[in-house]
Amino acid sequence: MYRIVKAEYAGDYKVLITFDDGQLRLADFYSFISKSPHPSIHKYIDKTLFQQFEIDTYEIHWGTQFDIDPYDIYCGEFEATDSPYFTEIEALKGQFELVE
């Protein structure tokens, strides 16, 4: 089971996600949100709304509107088109304070 223990907004619809096993993912939600035909997801194209995500029961969610399974983020399998939307964290090391 994959559990999200921390999520930090990293700008431009990206969220730095820390899992309980110490793995990090920089998830880019822009394509997922902008290409979603569902209005309850697409409305989060508003950055103010997007930044109001929360972690609850080890998942990231936006109000009661939608959430994304931690497994899908961990494996890079959440998508609105044909390619995964997570980026390896190597390029961002040192830009965020990591809490263990």
PDB file of N, CA and C in Angstrom:
ATOM      1  N   MET A   1       0.843  -1.172   0.000  1.00  0.00           N
ATOM      2  CA  MET A   1       0.000   0.000   0.000  1.00  0.00           C
ATOM      3  C   MET A   1       0.893   1.241   0.000  1.00  0.00           C
ATOM      4  N   TYR A   2       0.564   2.184  -0.845  1.00  0.00           N
ATOM      5  CA  TYR A   2       1.312   3.433  -0.941  1.00  0.00           C
ATOM      6  C   TYR A   2       0.558   4.508  -0.169  1.00  0.00           C
ATOM      7  N   ARG A   3       1.282   5.200   0.698  1.00  0.00           N
ATOM      8  CA  ARG A   3       0.649   6.221   1.527  1.00  0.00           C
ATOM      9  C   ARG A   3       1.379   7.546   1.390  1.00  0.00           C
ATOM     10  N   ILE A   4       0.611   8.582   1.111  1.00  0.00           N
ATOM     11  CA  ILE A   4       1.171   9.923   1.023  1.00  0.00           C
ATOM     12  C   ILE A   4       1.215  10.504   2.430  1.00  0.00           C
ATOM     13  N   VAL A   5       2.394  10.988   2.820  1.00  0.00           N
ATOM     14  CA  VAL A   5       2.525  11.575   4.149  1.00  0.00           C
ATOM     15  C   VAL A   5       2.722  13.083   4.103  1.00  0.00           C
ATOM     16  N   LYS A   6       3.079  13.596   2.926  1.00  0.00           N
ATOM     17  CA  LYS A   6       3.299  15.036   2.808  1.00  0.00           C
ATOM     18  C   LYS A   6       3.117  15.448   1.357  1.00  0.00           C
ATOM     19  N   ALA A   7       2.559  16.643   1.170  1.00  0.00           N
ATOM     20  CA  ALA A   7       2.412  17.193  -0.178  1.00  0.00           C
ATOM     21  C   ALA A   7       2.634  18.697  -0.095  1.00  0.00           C
ATOM     22  N   GLU A   8       3.481  19.206  -0.987  1.00  0.00           N
ATOM     23  CA  GLU A   8       3.793  20.630  -1.024  1.00  0.00           C
ATOM     24  C   GLU A   8       3.571  21.165  -2.432  1.00  0.00           C
ATOM     25  N   TYR A   9       2.889  22.290  -2.511  1.00  0.00           N
ATOM     26  CA  TYR A   9       2.692  22.922  -3.809  1.00  0.00           C
ATOM     27  C   TYR A   9       4.053  23.382  -4.328  1.00  0.00           C
ATOM     28  N   ALA A  10       4.361  23.040  -5.573  1.00  0.00           N
ATOM     29  CA  ALA A  10       5.666  23.364  -6.161  1.00  0.00           C
ATOM     30  C   ALA A  10       5.533  24.304  -7.354  1.00  0.00           C
ATOM     31  N   GLY A  11       4.356  24.898  -7.534  1.00  0.00           N
ATOM     32  CA  GLY A  11       4.134  25.843  -8.623  1.00  0.00           C
ATOM     33  C   GLY A  11       3.625  25.184  -9.885  1.00  0.00           C
ATOM     34  N   ASP A  12       2.877  25.947 -10.662  1.00  0.00           N
ATOM     35  CA  ASP A  12       2.381  25.506 -11.973  1.00  0.00           C
ATOM     36  C   ASP A  12       1.719  24.126 -11.950  1.00  0.00           C
ATOM     37  N   TYR A  13       0.813  23.911 -11.030  1.00  0.00           N
ATOM     38  CA  TYR A  13       0.036  22.667 -10.919  1.00  0.00           C
ATOM     39  C   TYR A  13       0.878  21.456 -10.544  1.00  0.00           C
ATOM     40  N   LYS A  14       2.050  21.697 -10.001  1.00  0.00           N
ATOM     41  CA  LYS A  14       2.925  20.603  -9.571  1.00  0.00           C
ATOM     42  C   LYS A  14       2.876  20.487  -8.054  1.00  0.00           C
ATOM     43  N   VAL A  15       2.928  19.242  -7.586  1.00  0.00           N
ATOM     44  CA  VAL A  15       2.917  18.970  -6.161  1.00  0.00           C
ATOM     45  C   VAL A  15       4.042  17.985  -5.865  1.00  0.00           C
ATOM     46  N   LEU A  16       4.887  18.357  -4.917  1.00  0.00           N
ATOM     47  CA  LEU A  16       5.938  17.470  -4.451  1.00  0.00           C
ATOM     48  C   LEU A  16       5.328  16.564  -3.396  1.00  0.00           C
ATOM     49  N   ILE A  17       5.332  15.271  -3.669  1.00  0.00           N
ATOM     50  CA  ILE A  17       4.660  14.308  -2.808  1.00  0.00           C
ATOM     51  C   ILE A  17       5.685  13.389  -2.162  1.00  0.00           C
ATOM     52  N   THR A  18       5.564  13.231  -0.839  1.00  0.00           N
ATOM     53  CA  THR A  18       6.420  12.329  -0.079  1.00  0.00           C
ATOM     54  C   THR A  18       5.571  11.135   0.366  1.00  0.00           C
ATOM     55  N   PHE A  19       6.084   9.943   0.096  1.00  0.00           N
ATOM     56  CA  PHE A  19       5.402   8.712   0.498  1.00  0.00           C
ATOM     57  C   PHE A  19       6.000   8.170   1.788  1.00  0.00           C
ATOM     58  N   ASP A  20       5.263   7.287   2.433  1.00  0.00           N
ATOM     59  CA  ASP A  20       5.704   6.768   3.726  1.00  0.00           C
ATOM     60  C   ASP A  20       6.976   5.927   3.640  1.00  0.00           C
ATOM     61  N   ASP A  21       7.359   5.501   2.446  1.00  0.00           N
ATOM     62  CA  ASP A  21       8.620   4.756   2.303  1.00  0.00           C
ATOM     63  C   ASP A  21       9.791   5.682   1.959  1.00  0.00           C
ATOM     64  N   GLY A  22       9.536   7.013   1.982  1.00  0.00           N
ATOM     65  CA  GLY A  22      10.588   7.986   1.714  1.00  0.00           C
ATOM     66  C   GLY A  22      10.723   8.379   0.255  1.00  0.00           C
ATOM     67  N   GLN A  23      10.030   7.713  -0.638  1.00  0.00           N
ATOM     68  CA  GLN A  23      10.088   8.048  -2.061  1.00  0.00           C
ATOM     69  C   GLN A  23       9.399   9.387  -2.313  1.00  0.00           C
ATOM     70  N   LEU A  24       9.933  10.136  -3.265  1.00  0.00           N
ATOM     71  CA  LEU A  24       9.376  11.431  -3.650  1.00  0.00           C
ATOM     72  C   LEU A  24       8.919  11.384  -5.099  1.00  0.00           C
ATOM     73  N   ARG A  25       7.856  12.092  -5.372  1.00  0.00           N
ATOM     74  CA  ARG A  25       7.393  12.278  -6.742  1.00  0.00           C
ATOM     75  C   ARG A  25       6.995  13.736  -6.913  1.00  0.00           C
ATOM     76  N   LEU A  26       7.370  14.301  -8.032  1.00  0.00           N
ATOM     77  CA  LEU A  26       6.882  15.622  -8.398  1.00  0.00           C
ATOM     78  C   LEU A  26       5.779  15.380  -9.420  1.00  0.00           C
ATOM     79  N   ALA A  27       4.561  15.485  -8.973  1.00  0.00           N
ATOM     80  CA  ALA A  27       3.411  15.194  -9.830  1.00  0.00           C
ATOM     81  C   ALA A  27       2.934  16.476 -10.487  1.00  0.00           C
ATOM     82  N   ASP A  28       2.840  16.443 -11.806  1.00  0.00           N
ATOM     83  CA  ASP A  28       2.359  17.583 -12.574  1.00  0.00           C
ATOM     84  C   ASP A  28       0.922  17.287 -12.988  1.00  0.00           C
ATOM     85  N   PHE A  29      -0.021  17.994 -12.385  1.00  0.00           N
ATOM     86  CA  PHE A  29      -1.436  17.737 -12.599  1.00  0.00           C
ATOM     87  C   PHE A  29      -2.047  18.577 -13.723  1.00  0.00           C
ATOM     88  N   TYR A  30      -1.249  19.424 -14.371  1.00  0.00           N
ATOM     89  CA  TYR A  30      -1.817  20.358 -15.340  1.00  0.00           C
ATOM     90  C   TYR A  30      -2.592  19.652 -16.461  1.00  0.00           C
ATOM     91  N   SER A  31      -1.972  18.719 -17.127  1.00  0.00           N
ATOM     92  CA  SER A  31      -2.655  18.045 -18.241  1.00  0.00           C
ATOM     93  C   SER A  31      -3.877  17.282 -17.765  1.00  0.00           C
ATOM     94  N   PHE A  32      -3.748  16.643 -16.612  1.00  0.00           N
ATOM     95  CA  PHE A  32      -4.870  15.894 -16.067  1.00  0.00           C
ATOM     96  C   PHE A  32      -6.076  16.804 -15.854  1.00  0.00           C
ATOM     97  N   ILE A  33      -5.839  17.954 -15.236  1.00  0.00           N
ATOM     98  CA  ILE A  33      -6.932  18.873 -14.925  1.00  0.00           C
ATOM     99  C   ILE A  33      -7.420  19.606 -16.176  1.00  0.00           C
ATOM    100  N   SER A  34      -6.506  20.117 -16.967  1.00  0.00           N
ATOM    101  CA  SER A  34      -6.909  20.927 -18.127  1.00  0.00           C
ATOM    102  C   SER A  34      -7.623  20.114 -19.195  1.00  0.00           C
ATOM    103  N   LYS A  35      -7.330  18.833 -19.296  1.00  0.00           N
ATOM    104  CA  LYS A  35      -7.958  18.008 -20.336  1.00  0.00           C
ATOM    105  C   LYS A  35      -9.134  17.188 -19.830  1.00  0.00           C
ATOM    106  N   SER A  36      -9.413  17.293 -18.537  1.00  0.00           N
ATOM    107  CA  SER A  36     -10.538  16.538 -18.001  1.00  0.00           C
ATOM    108  C   SER A  36     -11.860  17.107 -18.513  1.00  0.00           C
ATOM    109  N   PRO A  37     -12.736  16.251 -19.023  1.00  0.00           N
ATOM    110  CA  PRO A  37     -14.045  16.724 -19.475  1.00  0.00           C
ATOM    111  C   PRO A  37     -15.022  16.914 -18.308  1.00  0.00           C
ATOM    112  N   HIS A  38     -14.645  16.424 -17.133  1.00  0.00           N
ATOM    113  CA  HIS A  38     -15.548  16.484 -15.986  1.00  0.00           C
ATOM    114  C   HIS A  38     -15.438  17.848 -15.294  1.00  0.00           C
ATOM    115  N   PRO A  39     -16.532  18.587 -15.183  1.00  0.00           N
ATOM    116  CA  PRO A  39     -16.473  19.937 -14.605  1.00  0.00           C
ATOM    117  C   PRO A  39     -15.972  19.979 -13.163  1.00  0.00           C
ATOM    118  N   SER A  40     -16.235  18.937 -12.374  1.00  0.00           N
ATOM    119  CA  SER A  40     -15.794  18.964 -10.978  1.00  0.00           C
ATOM    120  C   SER A  40     -14.284  18.792 -10.856  1.00  0.00           C
ATOM    121  N   ILE A  41     -13.624  18.349 -11.911  1.00  0.00           N
ATOM    122  CA  ILE A  41     -12.157  18.275 -11.940  1.00  0.00           C
ATOM    123  C   ILE A  41     -11.596  19.489 -12.680  1.00  0.00           C
ATOM    124  N   HIS A  42     -12.194  19.798 -13.817  1.00  0.00           N
ATOM    125  CA  HIS A  42     -11.682  20.896 -14.648  1.00  0.00           C
ATOM    126  C   HIS A  42     -11.693  22.246 -13.918  1.00  0.00           C
ATOM    127  N   LYS A  43     -12.587  22.413 -12.966  1.00  0.00           N
ATOM    128  CA  LYS A  43     -12.649  23.695 -12.254  1.00  0.00           C
ATOM    129  C   LYS A  43     -11.368  23.993 -11.483  1.00  0.00           C
ATOM    130  N   TYR A  44     -10.557  22.970 -11.216  1.00  0.00           N
ATOM    131  CA  TYR A  44      -9.302  23.165 -10.488  1.00  0.00           C
ATOM    132  C   TYR A  44      -8.191  23.724 -11.372  1.00  0.00           C
ATOM    133  N   ILE A  45      -8.536  24.105 -12.596  1.00  0.00           N
ATOM    134  CA  ILE A  45      -7.607  24.857 -13.432  1.00  0.00           C
ATOM    135  C   ILE A  45      -7.376  26.237 -12.808  1.00  0.00           C
ATOM    136  N   ASP A  46      -8.300  26.650 -11.964  1.00  0.00           N
ATOM    137  CA  ASP A  46      -8.125  27.861 -11.155  1.00  0.00           C
ATOM    138  C   ASP A  46      -7.052  27.539 -10.101  1.00  0.00           C
ATOM    139  N   LYS A  47      -5.907  28.203 -10.198  1.00  0.00           N
ATOM    140  CA  LYS A  47      -4.779  27.881  -9.307  1.00  0.00           C
ATOM    141  C   LYS A  47      -5.114  28.071  -7.833  1.00  0.00           C
ATOM    142  N   THR A  48      -5.963  29.026  -7.530  1.00  0.00           N
ATOM    143  CA  THR A  48      -6.346  29.225  -6.128  1.00  0.00           C
ATOM    144  C   THR A  48      -7.062  27.989  -5.601  1.00  0.00           C
ATOM    145  N   LEU A  49      -7.967  27.445  -6.384  1.00  0.00           N
ATOM    146  CA  LEU A  49      -8.657  26.213  -5.991  1.00  0.00           C
ATOM    147  C   LEU A  49      -7.694  25.032  -5.967  1.00  0.00           C
ATOM    148  N   PHE A  50      -6.848  24.937  -6.974  1.00  0.00           N
ATOM    149  CA  PHE A  50      -5.914  23.810  -7.051  1.00  0.00           C
ATOM    150  C   PHE A  50      -5.033  23.722  -5.809  1.00  0.00           C
ATOM    151  N   GLN A  51      -4.569  24.857  -5.321  1.00  0.00           N
ATOM    152  CA  GLN A  51      -3.656  24.874  -4.184  1.00  0.00           C
ATOM    153  C   GLN A  51      -4.330  24.488  -2.865  1.00  0.00           C
ATOM    154  N   GLN A  52      -5.619  24.258  -2.880  1.00  0.00           N
ATOM    155  CA  GLN A  52      -6.338  23.893  -1.663  1.00  0.00           C
ATOM    156  C   GLN A  52      -6.428  22.386  -1.463  1.00  0.00           C
ATOM    157  N   PHE A  53      -5.477  21.643  -2.000  1.00  0.00           N
ATOM    158  CA  PHE A  53      -5.473  20.191  -1.802  1.00  0.00           C
ATOM    159  C   PHE A  53      -5.143  19.864  -0.349  1.00  0.00           C
ATOM    160  N   GLU A  54      -5.518  18.672   0.057  1.00  0.00           N
ATOM    161  CA  GLU A  54      -5.247  18.184   1.409  1.00  0.00           C
ATOM    162  C   GLU A  54      -4.818  16.729   1.348  1.00  0.00           C
ATOM    163  N   ILE A  55      -4.173  16.297   2.426  1.00  0.00           N
ATOM    164  CA  ILE A  55      -3.838  14.879   2.588  1.00  0.00           C
ATOM    165  C   ILE A  55      -4.760  14.351   3.676  1.00  0.00           C
ATOM    166  N   ASP A  56      -5.468  13.292   3.366  1.00  0.00           N
ATOM    167  CA  ASP A  56      -6.374  12.684   4.324  1.00  0.00           C
ATOM    168  C   ASP A  56      -6.388  11.188   4.055  1.00  0.00           C
ATOM    169  N   THR A  57      -6.281  10.410   5.072  1.00  0.00           N
ATOM    170  CA  THR A  57      -6.182   8.948   4.963  1.00  0.00           C
ATOM    171  C   THR A  57      -5.161   8.555   3.888  1.00  0.00           C
ATOM    172  N   TYR A  58      -4.042   9.278   3.901  1.00  0.00           N
ATOM    173  CA  TYR A  58      -2.896   9.000   3.042  1.00  0.00           C
ATOM    174  C   TYR A  58      -3.155   9.205   1.560  1.00  0.00           C
ATOM    175  N   GLU A  59      -4.179   9.971   1.207  1.00  0.00           N
ATOM    176  CA  GLU A  59      -4.457  10.313  -0.179  1.00  0.00           C
ATOM    177  C   GLU A  59      -4.451  11.825  -0.340  1.00  0.00           C
ATOM    178  N   ILE A  60      -4.194  12.275  -1.559  1.00  0.00           N
ATOM    179  CA  ILE A  60      -4.319  13.702  -1.853  1.00  0.00           C
ATOM    180  C   ILE A  60      -5.698  13.912  -2.463  1.00  0.00           C
ATOM    181  N   HIS A  61      -6.368  14.954  -1.973  1.00  0.00           N
ATOM    182  CA  HIS A  61      -7.699  15.228  -2.519  1.00  0.00           C
ATOM    183  C   HIS A  61      -7.966  16.716  -2.527  1.00  0.00           C
ATOM    184  N   TRP A  62      -8.921  17.070  -3.345  1.00  0.00           N
ATOM    185  CA  TRP A  62      -9.372  18.443  -3.491  1.00  0.00           C
ATOM    186  C   TRP A  62     -10.830  18.466  -3.049  1.00  0.00           C
ATOM    187  N   GLY A  63     -11.070  18.901  -1.812  1.00  0.00           N
ATOM    188  CA  GLY A  63     -12.437  18.919  -1.282  1.00  0.00           C
ATOM    189  C   GLY A  63     -13.062  17.543  -1.383  1.00  0.00           C
ATOM    190  N   THR A  64     -14.330  17.534  -1.691  1.00  0.00           N
ATOM    191  CA  THR A  64     -15.017  16.252  -1.885  1.00  0.00           C
ATOM    192  C   THR A  64     -15.169  15.956  -3.366  1.00  0.00           C
ATOM    193  N   GLN A  65     -14.549  16.797  -4.210  1.00  0.00           N
ATOM    194  CA  GLN A  65     -14.731  16.696  -5.647  1.00  0.00           C
ATOM    195  C   GLN A  65     -13.961  15.551  -6.286  1.00  0.00           C
ATOM    196  N   PHE A  66     -12.665  15.457  -5.943  1.00  0.00           N
ATOM    197  CA  PHE A  66     -11.895  14.363  -6.522  1.00  0.00           C
ATOM    198  C   PHE A  66     -10.618  14.120  -5.739  1.00  0.00           C
ATOM    199  N   ASP A  67     -10.138  12.904  -5.887  1.00  0.00           N
ATOM    200  CA  ASP A  67      -8.855  12.531  -5.309  1.00  0.00           C
ATOM    201  C   ASP A  67      -8.152  11.612  -6.297  1.00  0.00           C
ATOM    202  N   ILE A  68      -6.889  11.392  -6.054  1.00  0.00           N
ATOM    203  CA  ILE A  68      -6.114  10.506  -6.923  1.00  0.00           C
ATOM    204  C   ILE A  68      -5.449   9.473  -6.038  1.00  0.00           C
ATOM    205  N   ASP A  69      -5.605   8.234  -6.412  1.00  0.00           N
ATOM    206  CA  ASP A  69      -5.059   7.124  -5.646  1.00  0.00           C
ATOM    207  C   ASP A  69      -3.540   7.252  -5.534  1.00  0.00           C
ATOM    208  N   PRO A  70      -2.989   7.085  -4.339  1.00  0.00           N
ATOM    209  CA  PRO A  70      -1.539   7.192  -4.156  1.00  0.00           C
ATOM    210  C   PRO A  70      -0.746   6.240  -5.052  1.00  0.00           C
ATOM    211  N   TYR A  71      -1.283   5.059  -5.302  1.00  0.00           N
ATOM    212  CA  TYR A  71      -0.598   4.097  -6.177  1.00  0.00           C
ATOM    213  C   TYR A  71      -0.375   4.691  -7.561  1.00  0.00           C
ATOM    214  N   ASP A  72      -1.395   5.358  -8.080  1.00  0.00           N
ATOM    215  CA  ASP A  72      -1.295   5.939  -9.420  1.00  0.00           C
ATOM    216  C   ASP A  72      -0.236   7.032  -9.489  1.00  0.00           C
ATOM    217  N   ILE A  73      -0.126   7.831  -8.426  1.00  0.00           N
ATOM    218  CA  ILE A  73       0.903   8.867  -8.388  1.00  0.00           C
ATOM    219  C   ILE A  73       2.282   8.227  -8.255  1.00  0.00           C
ATOM    220  N   TYR A  74       2.398   7.258  -7.367  1.00  0.00           N
ATOM    221  CA  TYR A  74       3.671   6.582  -7.120  1.00  0.00           C
ATOM    222  C   TYR A  74       4.221   5.968  -8.419  1.00  0.00           C
ATOM    223  N   CYS A  75       3.317   5.356  -9.180  1.00  0.00           N
ATOM    224  CA  CYS A  75       3.721   4.671 -10.413  1.00  0.00           C
ATOM    225  C   CYS A  75       3.641   5.568 -11.647  1.00  0.00           C
ATOM    226  N   GLY A  76       3.163   6.787 -11.498  1.00  0.00           N
ATOM    227  CA  GLY A  76       3.055   7.700 -12.626  1.00  0.00           C
ATOM    228  C   GLY A  76       1.961   7.326 -13.582  1.00  0.00           C
ATOM    229  N   GLU A  77       0.866   6.745 -13.062  1.00  0.00           N
ATOM    230  CA  GLU A  77      -0.187   6.239 -13.938  1.00  0.00           C
ATOM    231  C   GLU A  77      -1.462   7.069 -13.958  1.00  0.00           C
ATOM    232  N   PHE A  78      -1.484   8.220 -13.314  1.00  0.00           N
ATOM    233  CA  PHE A  78      -2.673   9.058 -13.439  1.00  0.00           C
ATOM    234  C   PHE A  78      -2.459   9.900 -14.692  1.00  0.00           C
ATOM    235  N   GLU A  79      -3.456   9.930 -15.538  1.00  0.00           N
ATOM    236  CA  GLU A  79      -3.286  10.634 -16.802  1.00  0.00           C
ATOM    237  C   GLU A  79      -4.628  10.992 -17.426  1.00  0.00           C
ATOM    238  N   ALA A  80      -4.579  11.991 -18.256  1.00  0.00           N
ATOM    239  CA  ALA A  80      -5.753  12.382 -19.021  1.00  0.00           C
ATOM    240  C   ALA A  80      -5.515  12.105 -20.503  1.00  0.00           C
ATOM    241  N   THR A  81      -4.266  11.859 -20.852  1.00  0.00           N
ATOM    242  CA  THR A  81      -3.935  11.508 -22.234  1.00  0.00           C
ATOM    243  C   THR A  81      -3.071  10.263 -22.194  1.00  0.00           C
ATOM    244  N   ASP A  82      -2.076  10.160 -23.048  1.00  0.00           N
ATOM    245  CA  ASP A  82      -1.337   8.915 -23.178  1.00  0.00           C
ATOM    246  C   ASP A  82       0.037   8.898 -22.505  1.00  0.00           C
ATOM    247  N   SER A  83       0.370   9.891 -21.692  1.00  0.00           N
ATOM    248  CA  SER A  83       1.674   9.841 -21.046  1.00  0.00           C
ATOM    249  C   SER A  83       1.561  10.162 -19.565  1.00  0.00           C
ATOM    250  N   PRO A  84       2.447   9.587 -18.740  1.00  0.00           N
ATOM    251  CA  PRO A  84       2.385   9.837 -17.301  1.00  0.00           C
ATOM    252  C   PRO A  84       2.810  11.261 -16.972  1.00  0.00           C
ATOM    253  N   TYR A  85       2.305  11.776 -15.862  1.00  0.00           N
ATOM    254  CA  TYR A  85       2.589  13.147 -15.476  1.00  0.00           C
ATOM    255  C   TYR A  85       3.309  13.216 -14.139  1.00  0.00           C
ATOM    256  N   PHE A  86       4.412  12.548 -14.043  1.00  0.00           N
ATOM    257  CA  PHE A  86       5.251  12.785 -12.886  1.00  0.00           C
ATOM    258  C   PHE A  86       6.684  12.886 -13.361  1.00  0.00           C
ATOM    259  N   THR A  87       7.452  13.643 -12.659  1.00  0.00           N
ATOM    260  CA  THR A  87       8.822  13.920 -13.035  1.00  0.00           C
ATOM    261  C   THR A  87       9.735  13.412 -11.940  1.00  0.00           C
ATOM    262  N   GLU A  88      10.844  12.842 -12.328  1.00  0.00           N
ATOM    263  CA  GLU A  88      11.810  12.412 -11.316  1.00  0.00           C
ATOM    264  C   GLU A  88      12.270  13.610 -10.506  1.00  0.00           C
ATOM    265  N   ILE A  89      12.582  13.386  -9.277  1.00  0.00           N
ATOM    266  CA  ILE A  89      12.874  14.450  -8.336  1.00  0.00           C
ATOM    267  C   ILE A  89      14.326  14.916  -8.371  1.00  0.00           C
ATOM    268  N   GLU A  90      15.195  14.221  -9.037  1.00  0.00           N
ATOM    269  CA  GLU A  90      16.629  14.544  -9.013  1.00  0.00           C
ATOM    270  C   GLU A  90      16.921  16.012  -9.288  1.00  0.00           C
ATOM    271  N   ALA A  91      16.242  16.606 -10.241  1.00  0.00           N
ATOM    272  CA  ALA A  91      16.527  17.989 -10.613  1.00  0.00           C
ATOM    273  C   ALA A  91      16.122  18.983  -9.530  1.00  0.00           C
ATOM    274  N   LEU A  92      15.289  18.554  -8.593  1.00  0.00           N
ATOM    275  CA  LEU A  92      14.803  19.470  -7.566  1.00  0.00           C
ATOM    276  C   LEU A  92      15.434  19.248  -6.207  1.00  0.00           C
ATOM    277  N   LYS A  93      16.340  18.313  -6.093  1.00  0.00           N
ATOM    278  CA  LYS A  93      16.952  18.058  -4.791  1.00  0.00           C
ATOM    279  C   LYS A  93      17.567  19.338  -4.253  1.00  0.00           C
ATOM    280  N   GLY A  94      17.355  19.573  -2.987  1.00  0.00           N
ATOM    281  CA  GLY A  94      17.893  20.756  -2.342  1.00  0.00           C
ATOM    282  C   GLY A  94      16.957  21.952  -2.382  1.00  0.00           C
ATOM    283  N   GLN A  95      15.891  21.901  -3.161  1.00  0.00           N
ATOM    284  CA  GLN A  95      14.961  23.023  -3.252  1.00  0.00           C
ATOM    285  C   GLN A  95      13.859  22.943  -2.206  1.00  0.00           C
ATOM    286  N   PHE A  96      13.684  21.764  -1.618  1.00  0.00           N
ATOM    287  CA  PHE A  96      12.636  21.576  -0.631  1.00  0.00           C
ATOM    288  C   PHE A  96      13.253  20.991   0.636  1.00  0.00           C
ATOM    289  N   GLU A  97      12.705  21.397   1.774  1.00  0.00           N
ATOM    290  CA  GLU A  97      13.149  20.822   3.036  1.00  0.00           C
ATOM    291  C   GLU A  97      12.340  19.542   3.243  1.00  0.00           C
ATOM    292  N   LEU A  98      13.031  18.429   3.370  1.00  0.00           N
ATOM    293  CA  LEU A  98      12.357  17.154   3.530  1.00  0.00           C
ATOM    294  C   LEU A  98      12.236  16.817   5.015  1.00  0.00           C
ATOM    295  N   VAL A  99      11.068  16.379   5.401  1.00  0.00           N
ATOM    296  CA  VAL A  99      10.820  16.013   6.794  1.00  0.00           C
ATOM    297  C   VAL A  99      10.698  14.511   6.854  1.00  0.00           C
ATOM    298  N   GLU A 100      11.447  13.902   7.723  1.00  0.00           N
ATOM    299  CA  GLU A 100      11.398  12.440   7.853  1.00  0.00           C
ATOM    300  C   GLU A 100      10.501  12.045   8.984  1.00  0.00           C
TER     301      GLU A 100
END
